[in-house]
Amino acid sequence: MKVAFTKLKTQASLSILSDGRVTEDFKLTTGTWVSVGTLRPALASKLSPYFQDFVICGHNEDSVGALGFITPALRELAGTEAENLAPHE
């Protein structure tokens, strides 16, 4: 999948354009199908209240990856180490 960052004429903020799969599920190079519709909410449920959502990736790769979006609860748990986390808006 190709991802490009662009400025849309209708929006001043930075946007992401995706040139990839049109369905949620994908296949790893091992032949295993990944059910994103099952995996994503399972991760969010198990890692709540510290993560609010996930991006699941790994299409045509050897393994599955996940990008998690943290919540203020994780910042609170991290305490002084929270300054090393990405800025919260």
C-alpha atoms as a PDB file:
ATOM      1  CA  MET A   1       0.000   0.000   0.000  1.00  0.00           C
ATOM      2  CA  LYS A   2       1.265   3.484  -0.841  1.00  0.00           C
ATOM      3  CA  VAL A   3       0.560   6.391   1.506  1.00  0.00           C
ATOM      4  CA  ALA A   4       1.058  10.001   0.484  1.00  0.00           C
ATOM      5  CA  PHE A   5       0.815  13.177   2.518  1.00  0.00           C
ATOM      6  CA  THR A   6      -0.819  16.079   0.761  1.00  0.00           C
ATOM      7  CA  LYS A   7      -2.492  19.427   1.345  1.00  0.00           C
ATOM      8  CA  LEU A   8      -6.056  19.270   0.080  1.00  0.00           C
ATOM      9  CA  LYS A   9      -7.365  22.421  -1.566  1.00  0.00           C
ATOM     10  CA  THR A  10     -10.486  22.270   0.583  1.00  0.00           C
ATOM     11  CA  GLN A  11      -8.611  21.839   3.887  1.00  0.00           C
ATOM     12  CA  ALA A  12      -5.671  23.687   5.369  1.00  0.00           C
ATOM     13  CA  SER A  13      -4.629  20.698   7.517  1.00  0.00           C
ATOM     14  CA  LEU A  14      -2.286  17.944   6.391  1.00  0.00           C
ATOM     15  CA  SER A  15      -4.185  14.946   5.053  1.00  0.00           C
ATOM     16  CA  ILE A  16      -3.334  11.351   4.141  1.00  0.00           C
ATOM     17  CA  LEU A  17      -4.261   9.745   0.843  1.00  0.00           C
ATOM     18  CA  SER A  18      -4.210   5.945   0.751  1.00  0.00           C
ATOM     19  CA  ASP A  19      -3.714   3.865  -2.372  1.00  0.00           C
ATOM     20  CA  GLY A  20      -4.349   0.447  -0.920  1.00  0.00           C
ATOM     21  CA  ARG A  21      -6.833  -2.270  -0.198  1.00  0.00           C
ATOM     22  CA  VAL A  22     -10.550  -1.524  -0.234  1.00  0.00           C
ATOM     23  CA  THR A  23     -11.555  -4.216   2.266  1.00  0.00           C
ATOM     24  CA  GLU A  24     -10.510  -4.514   5.882  1.00  0.00           C
ATOM     25  CA  ASP A  25      -9.185  -8.073   5.807  1.00  0.00           C
ATOM     26  CA  PHE A  26      -5.810  -8.865   4.267  1.00  0.00           C
ATOM     27  CA  LYS A  27      -3.434 -11.756   3.757  1.00  0.00           C
ATOM     28  CA  LEU A  28       0.104 -12.137   5.114  1.00  0.00           C
ATOM     29  CA  THR A  29       2.903 -13.647   3.003  1.00  0.00           C
ATOM     30  CA  THR A  30       2.533 -16.761   5.187  1.00  0.00           C
ATOM     31  CA  GLY A  31      -0.959 -17.266   3.741  1.00  0.00           C
ATOM     32  CA  THR A  32      -2.718 -16.322   6.968  1.00  0.00           C
ATOM     33  CA  TRP A  33      -5.745 -14.066   6.617  1.00  0.00           C
ATOM     34  CA  VAL A  34      -5.986 -11.210   9.130  1.00  0.00           C
ATOM     35  CA  SER A  35      -9.482 -10.169  10.176  1.00  0.00           C
ATOM     36  CA  VAL A  36      -9.077  -6.481  10.958  1.00  0.00           C
ATOM     37  CA  GLY A  37     -12.742  -6.189  11.936  1.00  0.00           C
ATOM     38  CA  THR A  38     -12.085  -8.667  14.759  1.00  0.00           C
ATOM     39  CA  LEU A  39      -8.511  -7.731  15.717  1.00  0.00           C
ATOM     40  CA  ARG A  40      -8.912  -3.952  15.983  1.00  0.00           C
ATOM     41  CA  PRO A  41     -11.789  -3.920  18.502  1.00  0.00           C
ATOM     42  CA  ALA A  42     -10.175  -6.780  20.462  1.00  0.00           C
ATOM     43  CA  LEU A  43      -6.990  -4.737  20.889  1.00  0.00           C
ATOM     44  CA  ALA A  44      -8.970  -1.624  21.843  1.00  0.00           C
ATOM     45  CA  SER A  45     -10.973  -3.622  24.395  1.00  0.00           C
ATOM     46  CA  LYS A  46      -7.938  -5.298  25.988  1.00  0.00           C
ATOM     47  CA  LEU A  47      -5.814  -2.131  26.100  1.00  0.00           C
ATOM     48  CA  SER A  48      -8.549   0.248  27.241  1.00  0.00           C
ATOM     49  CA  PRO A  49      -8.363   2.837  28.815  1.00  0.00           C
ATOM     50  CA  TYR A  50      -4.804   3.458  27.594  1.00  0.00           C
ATOM     51  CA  PHE A  51      -5.417   3.200  23.839  1.00  0.00           C
ATOM     52  CA  GLN A  52      -8.493   4.427  21.997  1.00  0.00           C
ATOM     53  CA  ASP A  53      -8.019   2.969  18.514  1.00  0.00           C
ATOM     54  CA  PHE A  54      -5.576   1.137  16.264  1.00  0.00           C
ATOM     55  CA  VAL A  55      -4.448   1.017  12.661  1.00  0.00           C
ATOM     56  CA  ILE A  56      -3.716  -2.575  11.649  1.00  0.00           C
ATOM     57  CA  CYS A  57      -1.123  -3.201   8.936  1.00  0.00           C
ATOM     58  CA  GLY A  58       0.819  -6.068   7.406  1.00  0.00           C
ATOM     59  CA  HIS A  59      -0.716  -6.629   3.972  1.00  0.00           C
ATOM     60  CA  ASN A  60       1.726  -8.814   1.978  1.00  0.00           C
ATOM     61  CA  GLU A  61       4.165  -8.827   4.928  1.00  0.00           C
ATOM     62  CA  ASP A  62       5.373 -11.630   7.226  1.00  0.00           C
ATOM     63  CA  SER A  63       3.612 -10.328  10.338  1.00  0.00           C
ATOM     64  CA  VAL A  64       0.871  -8.037  11.596  1.00  0.00           C
ATOM     65  CA  GLY A  65       1.610  -4.571  12.941  1.00  0.00           C
ATOM     66  CA  ALA A  66      -0.520  -2.158  14.934  1.00  0.00           C
ATOM     67  CA  LEU A  67      -0.279   1.583  15.440  1.00  0.00           C
ATOM     68  CA  GLY A  68      -2.064   2.587  18.636  1.00  0.00           C
ATOM     69  CA  PHE A  69      -3.544   5.971  19.481  1.00  0.00           C
ATOM     70  CA  ILE A  70      -2.971   6.710  23.156  1.00  0.00           C
ATOM     71  CA  THR A  71      -5.334   8.366  25.619  1.00  0.00           C
ATOM     72  CA  PRO A  72      -4.725  10.849  28.448  1.00  0.00           C
ATOM     73  CA  ALA A  73      -4.983   7.886  30.852  1.00  0.00           C
ATOM     74  CA  LEU A  74      -1.693   6.519  29.502  1.00  0.00           C
ATOM     75  CA  ARG A  75      -0.051   9.918  29.948  1.00  0.00           C
ATOM     76  CA  GLU A  76      -1.227   9.958  33.564  1.00  0.00           C
ATOM     77  CA  LEU A  77       0.096   6.424  34.122  1.00  0.00           C
ATOM     78  CA  ALA A  78       3.453   7.362  32.558  1.00  0.00           C
ATOM     79  CA  GLY A  79       3.878  10.300  34.956  1.00  0.00           C
ATOM     80  CA  THR A  80       7.131  12.177  34.335  1.00  0.00           C
ATOM     81  CA  GLU A  81       7.942   9.838  31.430  1.00  0.00           C
ATOM     82  CA  ALA A  82       4.908  11.252  29.591  1.00  0.00           C
ATOM     83  CA  GLU A  83       7.066  14.057  28.206  1.00  0.00           C
ATOM     84  CA  ASN A  84       8.643  11.419  25.930  1.00  0.00           C
ATOM     85  CA  LEU A  85       5.239  10.595  24.403  1.00  0.00           C
ATOM     86  CA  ALA A  86       3.887  12.368  21.334  1.00  0.00           C
ATOM     87  CA  PRO A  87       2.111  15.679  22.038  1.00  0.00           C
ATOM     88  CA  HIS A  88      -1.566  15.472  22.971  1.00  0.00           C
ATOM     89  CA  GLU A  89      -3.979  17.853  21.327  1.00  0.00           C
END
